[in-house]
Amino acid sequence: MTITDKEAAQKRTAMLADLRKERREKVEHAQSLLKGQQAVRKTLSRVMQGEPRSIPEIAAATNLPPHEVLWHITAMKKYGEVVEDGMDEDFAFYLYRLAKEPIHE
């Protein structure tokens, strides 16, 4: 390694260290949001174990607003964690179940 290569490597190392310091708060904030989302999704998964449930049922069981439950269920469906499993008795709401659970009939 030549002197210029060493200097360039040191400059890159210093620049990356500065970027980490500069963006620390944003990274910590993003990590905090992710942890919160993961906790909510674990709670939703626990509520959905055993039988399919509608958004209002899940919201009532978790004390979360229905729009927030819908947002999480939609994301979970997008990533294959949740699937639709018919409709409720009144045909008013879709039922959702965990993808790894057997289909109820």
PDB file of N, CA and C in Angstrom:
ATOM      1  N   MET A   1       0.845  -1.170   0.000  1.00  0.00           N
ATOM      2  CA  MET A   1       0.000   0.000   0.000  1.00  0.00           C
ATOM      3  C   MET A   1       0.893   1.236   0.000  1.00  0.00           C
ATOM      4  N   THR A   2       0.620   2.134  -0.904  1.00  0.00           N
ATOM      5  CA  THR A   2       1.425   3.354  -0.965  1.00  0.00           C
ATOM      6  C   THR A   2       0.912   4.369   0.039  1.00  0.00           C
ATOM      7  N   ILE A   3       1.657   5.422   0.192  1.00  0.00           N
ATOM      8  CA  ILE A   3       1.261   6.469   1.147  1.00  0.00           C
ATOM      9  C   ILE A   3      -0.073   7.088   0.732  1.00  0.00           C
ATOM     10  N   THR A   4      -0.267   7.317  -0.548  1.00  0.00           N
ATOM     11  CA  THR A   4      -1.532   7.914  -0.992  1.00  0.00           C
ATOM     12  C   THR A   4      -2.696   6.963  -0.754  1.00  0.00           C
ATOM     13  N   ASP A   5      -2.473   5.648  -0.919  1.00  0.00           N
ATOM     14  CA  ASP A   5      -3.527   4.674  -0.630  1.00  0.00           C
ATOM     15  C   ASP A   5      -3.870   4.684   0.854  1.00  0.00           C
ATOM     16  N   LYS A   6      -2.840   4.769   1.691  1.00  0.00           N
ATOM     17  CA  LYS A   6      -3.068   4.823   3.140  1.00  0.00           C
ATOM     18  C   LYS A   6      -3.833   6.079   3.521  1.00  0.00           C
ATOM     19  N   GLU A   7      -3.432   7.197   2.944  1.00  0.00           N
ATOM     20  CA  GLU A   7      -4.112   8.461   3.239  1.00  0.00           C
ATOM     21  C   GLU A   7      -5.566   8.413   2.790  1.00  0.00           C
ATOM     22  N   ALA A   8      -5.799   7.856   1.618  1.00  0.00           N
ATOM     23  CA  ALA A   8      -7.177   7.742   1.115  1.00  0.00           C
ATOM     24  C   ALA A   8      -8.005   6.847   2.029  1.00  0.00           C
ATOM     25  N   ALA A   9      -7.435   5.745   2.483  1.00  0.00           N
ATOM     26  CA  ALA A   9      -8.140   4.841   3.387  1.00  0.00           C
ATOM     27  C   ALA A   9      -8.445   5.530   4.711  1.00  0.00           C
ATOM     28  N   GLN A  10      -7.515   6.300   5.223  1.00  0.00           N
ATOM     29  CA  GLN A  10      -7.730   7.026   6.476  1.00  0.00           C
ATOM     30  C   GLN A  10      -8.822   8.076   6.314  1.00  0.00           C
ATOM     31  N   LYS A  11      -8.818   8.764   5.159  1.00  0.00           N
ATOM     32  CA  LYS A  11      -9.849   9.774   4.900  1.00  0.00           C
ATOM     33  C   LYS A  11     -11.237   9.119   4.835  1.00  0.00           C
ATOM     34  N   ARG A  12     -11.307   7.943   4.153  1.00  0.00           N
ATOM     35  CA  ARG A  12     -12.587   7.227   4.067  1.00  0.00           C
ATOM     36  C   ARG A  12     -13.059   6.801   5.454  1.00  0.00           C
ATOM     37  N   THR A  13     -12.135   6.303   6.256  1.00  0.00           N
ATOM     38  CA  THR A  13     -12.475   5.860   7.603  1.00  0.00           C
ATOM     39  C   THR A  13     -12.991   7.026   8.430  1.00  0.00           C
ATOM     40  N   ALA A  14     -12.320   8.164   8.338  1.00  0.00           N
ATOM     41  CA  ALA A  14     -12.739   9.364   9.079  1.00  0.00           C
ATOM     42  C   ALA A  14     -14.093   9.854   8.588  1.00  0.00           C
ATOM     43  N   MET A  15     -14.299   9.824   7.262  1.00  0.00           N
ATOM     44  CA  MET A  15     -15.567  10.279   6.696  1.00  0.00           C
ATOM     45  C   MET A  15     -16.719   9.384   7.172  1.00  0.00           C
ATOM     46  N   LEU A  16     -16.494   8.070   7.171  1.00  0.00           N
ATOM     47  CA  LEU A  16     -17.540   7.145   7.632  1.00  0.00           C
ATOM     48  C   LEU A  16     -17.835   7.337   9.118  1.00  0.00           C
ATOM     49  N   ALA A  17     -16.809   7.578   9.912  1.00  0.00           N
ATOM     50  CA  ALA A  17     -17.011   7.827  11.342  1.00  0.00           C
ATOM     51  C   ALA A  17     -17.838   9.088  11.547  1.00  0.00           C
ATOM     52  N   ASP A  18     -17.552  10.124  10.769  1.00  0.00           N
ATOM     53  CA  ASP A  18     -18.322  11.371  10.862  1.00  0.00           C
ATOM     54  C   ASP A  18     -19.778  11.150  10.467  1.00  0.00           C
ATOM     55  N   LEU A  19     -19.990  10.383   9.409  1.00  0.00           N
ATOM     56  CA  LEU A  19     -21.366  10.099   8.975  1.00  0.00           C
ATOM     57  C   LEU A  19     -22.131   9.336  10.048  1.00  0.00           C
ATOM     58  N   ARG A  20     -21.483   8.353  10.678  1.00  0.00           N
ATOM     59  CA  ARG A  20     -22.149   7.602  11.749  1.00  0.00           C
ATOM     60  C   ARG A  20     -22.543   8.522  12.893  1.00  0.00           C
ATOM     61  N   LYS A  21     -21.652   9.436  13.274  1.00  0.00           N
ATOM     62  CA  LYS A  21     -21.960  10.381  14.351  1.00  0.00           C
ATOM     63  C   LYS A  21     -23.107  11.294  13.944  1.00  0.00           C
ATOM     64  N   GLU A  22     -23.045  11.789  12.713  1.00  0.00           N
ATOM     65  CA  GLU A  22     -24.041  12.735  12.215  1.00  0.00           C
ATOM     66  C   GLU A  22     -25.438  12.105  12.134  1.00  0.00           C
ATOM     67  N   ARG A  23     -25.500  10.844  11.791  1.00  0.00           N
ATOM     68  CA  ARG A  23     -26.791  10.181  11.565  1.00  0.00           C
ATOM     69  C   ARG A  23     -27.229   9.279  12.707  1.00  0.00           C
ATOM     70  N   ARG A  24     -26.511   9.309  13.798  1.00  0.00           N
ATOM     71  CA  ARG A  24     -26.813   8.426  14.926  1.00  0.00           C
ATOM     72  C   ARG A  24     -28.258   8.561  15.392  1.00  0.00           C
ATOM     73  N   GLU A  25     -28.723   9.795  15.559  1.00  0.00           N
ATOM     74  CA  GLU A  25     -30.094  10.003  16.051  1.00  0.00           C
ATOM     75  C   GLU A  25     -31.123   9.419  15.092  1.00  0.00           C
ATOM     76  N   LYS A  26     -30.918   9.626  13.786  1.00  0.00           N
ATOM     77  CA  LYS A  26     -31.870   9.113  12.802  1.00  0.00           C
ATOM     78  C   LYS A  26     -31.882   7.584  12.805  1.00  0.00           C
ATOM     79  N   VAL A  27     -30.722   6.987  12.905  1.00  0.00           N
ATOM     80  CA  VAL A  27     -30.642   5.523  12.931  1.00  0.00           C
ATOM     81  C   VAL A  27     -31.311   4.985  14.192  1.00  0.00           C
ATOM     82  N   GLU A  28     -31.048   5.601  15.332  1.00  0.00           N
ATOM     83  CA  GLU A  28     -31.662   5.153  16.581  1.00  0.00           C
ATOM     84  C   GLU A  28     -33.178   5.312  16.532  1.00  0.00           C
ATOM     85  N   HIS A  29     -33.645   6.403  15.935  1.00  0.00           N
ATOM     86  CA  HIS A  29     -35.087   6.628  15.802  1.00  0.00           C
ATOM     87  C   HIS A  29     -35.713   5.549  14.918  1.00  0.00           C
ATOM     88  N   ALA A  30     -35.071   5.243  13.788  1.00  0.00           N
ATOM     89  CA  ALA A  30     -35.585   4.213  12.887  1.00  0.00           C
ATOM     90  C   ALA A  30     -35.607   2.855  13.579  1.00  0.00           C
ATOM     91  N   GLN A  31     -34.574   2.547  14.343  1.00  0.00           N
ATOM     92  CA  GLN A  31     -34.532   1.276  15.071  1.00  0.00           C
ATOM     93  C   GLN A  31     -35.643   1.205  16.112  1.00  0.00           C
ATOM     94  N   SER A  32     -35.913   2.329  16.761  1.00  0.00           N
ATOM     95  CA  SER A  32     -36.981   2.379  17.756  1.00  0.00           C
ATOM     96  C   SER A  32     -38.347   2.125  17.108  1.00  0.00           C
ATOM     97  N   LEU A  33     -38.582   2.745  15.957  1.00  0.00           N
ATOM     98  CA  LEU A  33     -39.839   2.530  15.243  1.00  0.00           C
ATOM     99  C   LEU A  33     -39.995   1.068  14.828  1.00  0.00           C
ATOM    100  N   LEU A  34     -38.923   0.482  14.349  1.00  0.00           N
ATOM    101  CA  LEU A  34     -38.962  -0.913  13.927  1.00  0.00           C
ATOM    102  C   LEU A  34     -39.275  -1.832  15.102  1.00  0.00           C
ATOM    103  N   LYS A  35     -38.664  -1.584  16.251  1.00  0.00           N
ATOM    104  CA  LYS A  35     -38.944  -2.395  17.437  1.00  0.00           C
ATOM    105  C   LYS A  35     -40.411  -2.278  17.836  1.00  0.00           C
ATOM    106  N   GLY A  36     -40.959  -1.072  17.749  1.00  0.00           N
ATOM    107  CA  GLY A  36     -42.368  -0.866  18.071  1.00  0.00           C
ATOM    108  C   GLY A  36     -43.283  -1.628  17.126  1.00  0.00           C
ATOM    109  N   GLN A  37     -42.963  -1.584  15.823  1.00  0.00           N
ATOM    110  CA  GLN A  37     -43.763  -2.315  14.846  1.00  0.00           C
ATOM    111  C   GLN A  37     -43.695  -3.815  15.089  1.00  0.00           C
ATOM    112  N   GLN A  38     -42.514  -4.308  15.390  1.00  0.00           N
ATOM    113  CA  GLN A  38     -42.364  -5.734  15.646  1.00  0.00           C
ATOM    114  C   GLN A  38     -43.161  -6.164  16.875  1.00  0.00           C
ATOM    115  N   ALA A  39     -43.186  -5.321  17.891  1.00  0.00           N
ATOM    116  CA  ALA A  39     -43.947  -5.646  19.101  1.00  0.00           C
ATOM    117  C   ALA A  39     -45.442  -5.695  18.799  1.00  0.00           C
ATOM    118  N   VAL A  40     -45.936  -4.734  18.020  1.00  0.00           N
ATOM    119  CA  VAL A  40     -47.355  -4.719  17.654  1.00  0.00           C
ATOM    120  C   VAL A  40     -47.692  -5.962  16.846  1.00  0.00           C
ATOM    121  N   ARG A  41     -46.839  -6.330  15.908  1.00  0.00           N
ATOM    122  CA  ARG A  41     -47.124  -7.490  15.060  1.00  0.00           C
ATOM    123  C   ARG A  41     -47.083  -8.794  15.846  1.00  0.00           C
ATOM    124  N   LYS A  42     -46.247  -8.872  16.863  1.00  0.00           N
ATOM    125  CA  LYS A  42     -46.261 -10.053  17.739  1.00  0.00           C
ATOM    126  C   LYS A  42     -47.589 -10.138  18.477  1.00  0.00           C
ATOM    127  N   THR A  43     -48.061  -8.994  18.954  1.00  0.00           N
ATOM    128  CA  THR A  43     -49.341  -8.950  19.658  1.00  0.00           C
ATOM    129  C   THR A  43     -50.472  -9.372  18.719  1.00  0.00           C
ATOM    130  N   LEU A  44     -50.472  -8.843  17.505  1.00  0.00           N
ATOM    131  CA  LEU A  44     -51.508  -9.207  16.535  1.00  0.00           C
ATOM    132  C   LEU A  44     -51.458 -10.702  16.234  1.00  0.00           C
ATOM    133  N   SER A  45     -50.264 -11.233  16.097  1.00  0.00           N
ATOM    134  CA  SER A  45     -50.117 -12.665  15.805  1.00  0.00           C
ATOM    135  C   SER A  45     -50.654 -13.523  16.939  1.00  0.00           C
ATOM    136  N   ARG A  46     -50.403 -13.099  18.175  1.00  0.00           N
ATOM    137  CA  ARG A  46     -50.928 -13.852  19.324  1.00  0.00           C
ATOM    138  C   ARG A  46     -52.450 -13.855  19.321  1.00  0.00           C
ATOM    139  N   VAL A  47     -53.049 -12.719  19.016  1.00  0.00           N
ATOM    140  CA  VAL A  47     -54.509 -12.616  19.000  1.00  0.00           C
ATOM    141  C   VAL A  47     -55.101 -13.475  17.889  1.00  0.00           C
ATOM    142  N   MET A  48     -54.393 -13.598  16.784  1.00  0.00           N
ATOM    143  CA  MET A  48     -54.920 -14.324  15.630  1.00  0.00           C
ATOM    144  C   MET A  48     -54.679 -15.830  15.712  1.00  0.00           C
ATOM    145  N   GLN A  49     -53.937 -16.293  16.692  1.00  0.00           N
ATOM    146  CA  GLN A  49     -53.686 -17.727  16.806  1.00  0.00           C
ATOM    147  C   GLN A  49     -54.985 -18.464  17.107  1.00  0.00           C
ATOM    148  N   GLY A  50     -55.171 -19.565  16.446  1.00  0.00           N
ATOM    149  CA  GLY A  50     -56.319 -20.409  16.747  1.00  0.00           C
ATOM    150  C   GLY A  50     -57.471 -20.264  15.791  1.00  0.00           C
ATOM    151  N   GLU A  51     -57.854 -19.051  15.466  1.00  0.00           N
ATOM    152  CA  GLU A  51     -58.983 -18.875  14.559  1.00  0.00           C
ATOM    153  C   GLU A  51     -58.859 -17.562  13.799  1.00  0.00           C
ATOM    154  N   PRO A  52     -59.432 -17.515  12.605  1.00  0.00           N
ATOM    155  CA  PRO A  52     -59.394 -16.270  11.824  1.00  0.00           C
ATOM    156  C   PRO A  52     -60.183 -15.172  12.516  1.00  0.00           C
ATOM    157  N   ARG A  53     -59.728 -13.953  12.339  1.00  0.00           N
ATOM    158  CA  ARG A  53     -60.396 -12.805  12.969  1.00  0.00           C
ATOM    159  C   ARG A  53     -60.484 -11.640  11.992  1.00  0.00           C
ATOM    160  N   SER A  54     -61.483 -10.793  12.236  1.00  0.00           N
ATOM    161  CA  SER A  54     -61.655  -9.588  11.424  1.00  0.00           C
ATOM    162  C   SER A  54     -60.857  -8.441  12.039  1.00  0.00           C
ATOM    163  N   ILE A  55     -60.700  -7.392  11.278  1.00  0.00           N
ATOM    164  CA  ILE A  55     -59.986  -6.216  11.778  1.00  0.00           C
ATOM    165  C   ILE A  55     -60.642  -5.665  13.047  1.00  0.00           C
ATOM    166  N   PRO A  56     -61.989  -5.497  13.082  1.00  0.00           N
ATOM    167  CA  PRO A  56     -62.606  -4.997  14.314  1.00  0.00           C
ATOM    168  C   PRO A  56     -62.380  -5.921  15.519  1.00  0.00           C
ATOM    169  N   GLU A  57     -62.396  -7.236  15.294  1.00  0.00           N
ATOM    170  CA  GLU A  57     -62.156  -8.173  16.395  1.00  0.00           C
ATOM    171  C   GLU A  57     -60.721  -8.045  16.916  1.00  0.00           C
ATOM    172  N   ILE A  58     -59.783  -7.936  15.990  1.00  0.00           N
ATOM    173  CA  ILE A  58     -58.381  -7.801  16.393  1.00  0.00           C
ATOM    174  C   ILE A  58     -58.175  -6.477  17.127  1.00  0.00           C
ATOM    175  N   ALA A  59     -58.785  -5.424  16.610  1.00  0.00           N
ATOM    176  CA  ALA A  59     -58.657  -4.110  17.246  1.00  0.00           C
ATOM    177  C   ALA A  59     -59.222  -4.130  18.662  1.00  0.00           C
ATOM    178  N   ALA A  60     -60.369  -4.765  18.845  1.00  0.00           N
ATOM    179  CA  ALA A  60     -60.982  -4.841  20.175  1.00  0.00           C
ATOM    180  C   ALA A  60     -60.110  -5.650  21.133  1.00  0.00           C
ATOM    181  N   ALA A  61     -59.524  -6.733  20.639  1.00  0.00           N
ATOM    182  CA  ALA A  61     -58.712  -7.593  21.495  1.00  0.00           C
ATOM    183  C   ALA A  61     -57.374  -6.962  21.878  1.00  0.00           C
ATOM    184  N   THR A  62     -56.886  -6.040  21.050  1.00  0.00           N
ATOM    185  CA  THR A  62     -55.571  -5.429  21.303  1.00  0.00           C
ATOM    186  C   THR A  62     -55.649  -3.998  21.806  1.00  0.00           C
ATOM    187  N   ASN A  63     -56.846  -3.434  21.816  1.00  0.00           N
ATOM    188  CA  ASN A  63     -57.033  -2.023  22.191  1.00  0.00           C
ATOM    189  C   ASN A  63     -56.249  -1.072  21.290  1.00  0.00           C
ATOM    190  N   LEU A  64     -56.105  -1.467  20.027  1.00  0.00           N
ATOM    191  CA  LEU A  64     -55.473  -0.601  19.029  1.00  0.00           C
ATOM    192  C   LEU A  64     -56.557  -0.050  18.117  1.00  0.00           C
ATOM    193  N   PRO A  65     -56.354   1.131  17.561  1.00  0.00           N
ATOM    194  CA  PRO A  65     -57.352   1.660  16.628  1.00  0.00           C
ATOM    195  C   PRO A  65     -57.441   0.779  15.379  1.00  0.00           C
ATOM    196  N   PRO A  66     -58.645   0.586  14.850  1.00  0.00           N
ATOM    197  CA  PRO A  66     -58.809  -0.280  13.672  1.00  0.00           C
ATOM    198  C   PRO A  66     -57.933   0.120  12.484  1.00  0.00           C
ATOM    199  N   HIS A  67     -57.739   1.427  12.275  1.00  0.00           N
ATOM    200  CA  HIS A  67     -56.916   1.835  11.127  1.00  0.00           C
ATOM    201  C   HIS A  67     -55.456   1.394  11.305  1.00  0.00           C
ATOM    202  N   GLU A  68     -54.989   1.365  12.536  1.00  0.00           N
ATOM    203  CA  GLU A  68     -53.625   0.913  12.796  1.00  0.00           C
ATOM    204  C   GLU A  68     -53.518  -0.606  12.610  1.00  0.00           C
ATOM    205  N   VAL A  69     -54.533  -1.335  13.075  1.00  0.00           N
ATOM    206  CA  VAL A  69     -54.565  -2.786  12.889  1.00  0.00           C
ATOM    207  C   VAL A  69     -54.588  -3.105  11.398  1.00  0.00           C
ATOM    208  N   LEU A  70     -55.419  -2.401  10.644  1.00  0.00           N
ATOM    209  CA  LEU A  70     -55.510  -2.627   9.208  1.00  0.00           C
ATOM    210  C   LEU A  70     -54.162  -2.390   8.536  1.00  0.00           C
ATOM    211  N   TRP A  71     -53.459  -1.339   8.940  1.00  0.00           N
ATOM    212  CA  TRP A  71     -52.147  -1.036   8.363  1.00  0.00           C
ATOM    213  C   TRP A  71     -51.177  -2.189   8.597  1.00  0.00           C
ATOM    214  N   HIS A  72     -51.141  -2.691   9.823  1.00  0.00           N
ATOM    215  CA  HIS A  72     -50.225  -3.785  10.143  1.00  0.00           C
ATOM    216  C   HIS A  72     -50.632  -5.081   9.443  1.00  0.00           C
ATOM    217  N   ILE A  73     -51.924  -5.390   9.439  1.00  0.00           N
ATOM    218  CA  ILE A  73     -52.395  -6.621   8.789  1.00  0.00           C
ATOM    219  C   ILE A  73     -52.097  -6.569   7.287  1.00  0.00           C
ATOM    220  N   THR A  74     -52.280  -5.414   6.682  1.00  0.00           N
ATOM    221  CA  THR A  74     -51.974  -5.264   5.253  1.00  0.00           C
ATOM    222  C   THR A  74     -50.491  -5.513   4.994  1.00  0.00           C
ATOM    223  N   ALA A  75     -49.644  -4.975   5.838  1.00  0.00           N
ATOM    224  CA  ALA A  75     -48.202  -5.198   5.680  1.00  0.00           C
ATOM    225  C   ALA A  75     -47.860  -6.662   5.906  1.00  0.00           C
ATOM    226  N   MET A  76     -48.460  -7.268   6.905  1.00  0.00           N
ATOM    227  CA  MET A  76     -48.202  -8.679   7.186  1.00  0.00           C
ATOM    228  C   MET A  76     -48.685  -9.562   6.019  1.00  0.00           C
ATOM    229  N   LYS A  77     -49.797  -9.166   5.420  1.00  0.00           N
ATOM    230  CA  LYS A  77     -50.310  -9.901   4.262  1.00  0.00           C
ATOM    231  C   LYS A  77     -49.349  -9.757   3.087  1.00  0.00           C
ATOM    232  N   LYS A  78     -48.848  -8.570   2.874  1.00  0.00           N
ATOM    233  CA  LYS A  78     -47.911  -8.312   1.779  1.00  0.00           C
ATOM    234  C   LYS A  78     -46.684  -9.216   1.881  1.00  0.00           C
ATOM    235  N   TYR A  79     -46.221  -9.463   3.093  1.00  0.00           N
ATOM    236  CA  TYR A  79     -45.016 -10.259   3.291  1.00  0.00           C
ATOM    237  C   TYR A  79     -45.303 -11.735   3.606  1.00  0.00           C
ATOM    238  N   GLY A  80     -46.555 -12.155   3.385  1.00  0.00           N
ATOM    239  CA  GLY A  80     -46.883 -13.564   3.494  1.00  0.00           C
ATOM    240  C   GLY A  80     -47.045 -14.096   4.903  1.00  0.00           C
ATOM    241  N   GLU A  81     -47.189 -13.216   5.883  1.00  0.00           N
ATOM    242  CA  GLU A  81     -47.363 -13.653   7.261  1.00  0.00           C
ATOM    243  C   GLU A  81     -48.824 -13.908   7.595  1.00  0.00           C
ATOM    244  N   VAL A  82     -49.719 -13.252   6.862  1.00  0.00           N
ATOM    245  CA  VAL A  82     -51.163 -13.321   7.106  1.00  0.00           C
ATOM    246  C   VAL A  82     -51.847 -13.562   5.763  1.00  0.00           C
ATOM    247  N   VAL A  83     -52.939 -14.310   5.789  1.00  0.00           N
ATOM    248  CA  VAL A  83     -53.744 -14.525   4.580  1.00  0.00           C
ATOM    249  C   VAL A  83     -55.215 -14.296   4.907  1.00  0.00           C
ATOM    250  N   GLU A  84     -55.983 -13.965   3.867  1.00  0.00           N
ATOM    251  CA  GLU A  84     -57.431 -13.850   4.043  1.00  0.00           C
ATOM    252  C   GLU A  84     -58.009 -15.247   4.191  1.00  0.00           C
ATOM    253  N   ASP A  85     -59.046 -15.360   5.014  1.00  0.00           N
ATOM    254  CA  ASP A  85     -59.665 -16.667   5.252  1.00  0.00           C
ATOM    255  C   ASP A  85     -61.177 -16.510   5.304  1.00  0.00           C
ATOM    256  N   GLY A  86     -61.763 -16.034   4.215  1.00  0.00           N
ATOM    257  CA  GLY A  86     -63.205 -15.890   4.147  1.00  0.00           C
ATOM    258  C   GLY A  86     -63.697 -14.568   4.713  1.00  0.00           C
ATOM    259  N   MET A  87     -64.990 -14.579   5.052  1.00  0.00           N
ATOM    260  CA  MET A  87     -65.621 -13.381   5.606  1.00  0.00           C
ATOM    261  C   MET A  87     -66.358 -13.755   6.881  1.00  0.00           C
ATOM    262  N   ASP A  88     -66.716 -12.727   7.657  1.00  0.00           N
ATOM    263  CA  ASP A  88     -67.450 -12.989   8.892  1.00  0.00           C
ATOM    264  C   ASP A  88     -68.885 -13.406   8.576  1.00  0.00           C
ATOM    265  N   GLU A  89     -69.649 -13.734   9.609  1.00  0.00           N
ATOM    266  CA  GLU A  89     -71.006 -14.246   9.429  1.00  0.00           C
ATOM    267  C   GLU A  89     -71.926 -13.279   8.695  1.00  0.00           C
ATOM    268  N   ASP A  90     -71.710 -11.986   8.895  1.00  0.00           N
ATOM    269  CA  ASP A  90     -72.562 -10.966   8.262  1.00  0.00           C
ATOM    270  C   ASP A  90     -72.053 -10.554   6.880  1.00  0.00           C
ATOM    271  N   PHE A  91     -70.958 -11.138   6.442  1.00  0.00           N
ATOM    272  CA  PHE A  91     -70.318 -10.769   5.184  1.00  0.00           C
ATOM    273  C   PHE A  91     -69.953  -9.283   5.154  1.00  0.00           C
ATOM    274  N   ALA A  92     -69.549  -8.756   6.308  1.00  0.00           N
ATOM    275  CA  ALA A  92     -69.187  -7.344   6.418  1.00  0.00           C
ATOM    276  C   ALA A  92     -67.673  -7.142   6.424  1.00  0.00           C
ATOM    277  N   PHE A  93     -66.936  -8.125   6.952  1.00  0.00           N
ATOM    278  CA  PHE A  93     -65.488  -7.977   7.094  1.00  0.00           C
ATOM    279  C   PHE A  93     -64.768  -9.247   6.662  1.00  0.00           C
ATOM    280  N   TYR A  94     -63.599  -9.049   6.060  1.00  0.00           N
ATOM    281  CA  TYR A  94     -62.736 -10.192   5.764  1.00  0.00           C
ATOM    282  C   TYR A  94     -62.150 -10.724   7.063  1.00  0.00           C
ATOM    283  N   LEU A  95     -61.907 -12.011   7.072  1.00  0.00           N
ATOM    284  CA  LEU A  95     -61.234 -12.644   8.198  1.00  0.00           C
ATOM    285  C   LEU A  95     -59.787 -12.910   7.789  1.00  0.00           C
ATOM    286  N   TYR A  96     -58.900 -12.774   8.732  1.00  0.00           N
ATOM    287  CA  TYR A  96     -57.481 -12.998   8.480  1.00  0.00           C
ATOM    288  C   TYR A  96     -56.965 -14.044   9.451  1.00  0.00           C
ATOM    289  N   ARG A  97     -56.030 -14.852   8.971  1.00  0.00           N
ATOM    290  CA  ARG A  97     -55.394 -15.842   9.818  1.00  0.00           C
ATOM    291  C   ARG A  97     -53.899 -15.819   9.539  1.00  0.00           C
ATOM    292  N   LEU A  98     -53.144 -16.380  10.435  1.00  0.00           N
ATOM    293  CA  LEU A  98     -51.708 -16.497  10.224  1.00  0.00           C
ATOM    294  C   LEU A  98     -51.471 -17.480   9.088  1.00  0.00           C
ATOM    295  N   ALA A  99     -50.541 -17.194   8.240  1.00  0.00           N
ATOM    296  CA  ALA A  99     -50.302 -18.012   7.046  1.00  0.00           C
ATOM    297  C   ALA A  99     -49.842 -19.421   7.404  1.00  0.00           C
ATOM    298  N   LYS A 100     -49.219 -19.583   8.543  1.00  0.00           N
ATOM    299  CA  LYS A 100     -48.689 -20.891   8.922  1.00  0.00           C
ATOM    300  C   LYS A 100     -49.708 -21.795   9.584  1.00  0.00           C
ATOM    301  N   GLU A 101     -50.922 -21.310   9.776  1.00  0.00           N
ATOM    302  CA  GLU A 101     -51.974 -22.096  10.413  1.00  0.00           C
ATOM    303  C   GLU A 101     -52.844 -22.771   9.362  1.00  0.00           C
ATOM    304  N   PRO A 102     -53.475 -23.887   9.708  1.00  0.00           N
ATOM    305  CA  PRO A 102     -54.341 -24.578   8.736  1.00  0.00           C
ATOM    306  C   PRO A 102     -55.597 -23.760   8.420  1.00  0.00           C
ATOM    307  N   ILE A 103     -56.167 -24.004   7.261  1.00  0.00           N
ATOM    308  CA  ILE A 103     -57.387 -23.321   6.847  1.00  0.00           C
ATOM    309  C   ILE A 103     -58.566 -23.883   7.632  1.00  0.00           C
ATOM    310  N   HIS A 104     -59.451 -22.984   8.127  1.00  0.00           N
ATOM    311  CA  HIS A 104     -60.648 -23.404   8.875  1.00  0.00           C
ATOM    312  C   HIS A 104     -61.817 -23.474   7.906  1.00  0.00           C
ATOM    313  N   GLU A 105     -62.605 -24.481   8.057  1.00  0.00           N
ATOM    314  CA  GLU A 105     -63.813 -24.582   7.196  1.00  0.00           C
ATOM    315  C   GLU A 105     -65.040 -24.822   8.023  1.00  0.00           C
TER     316      GLU A 105
END
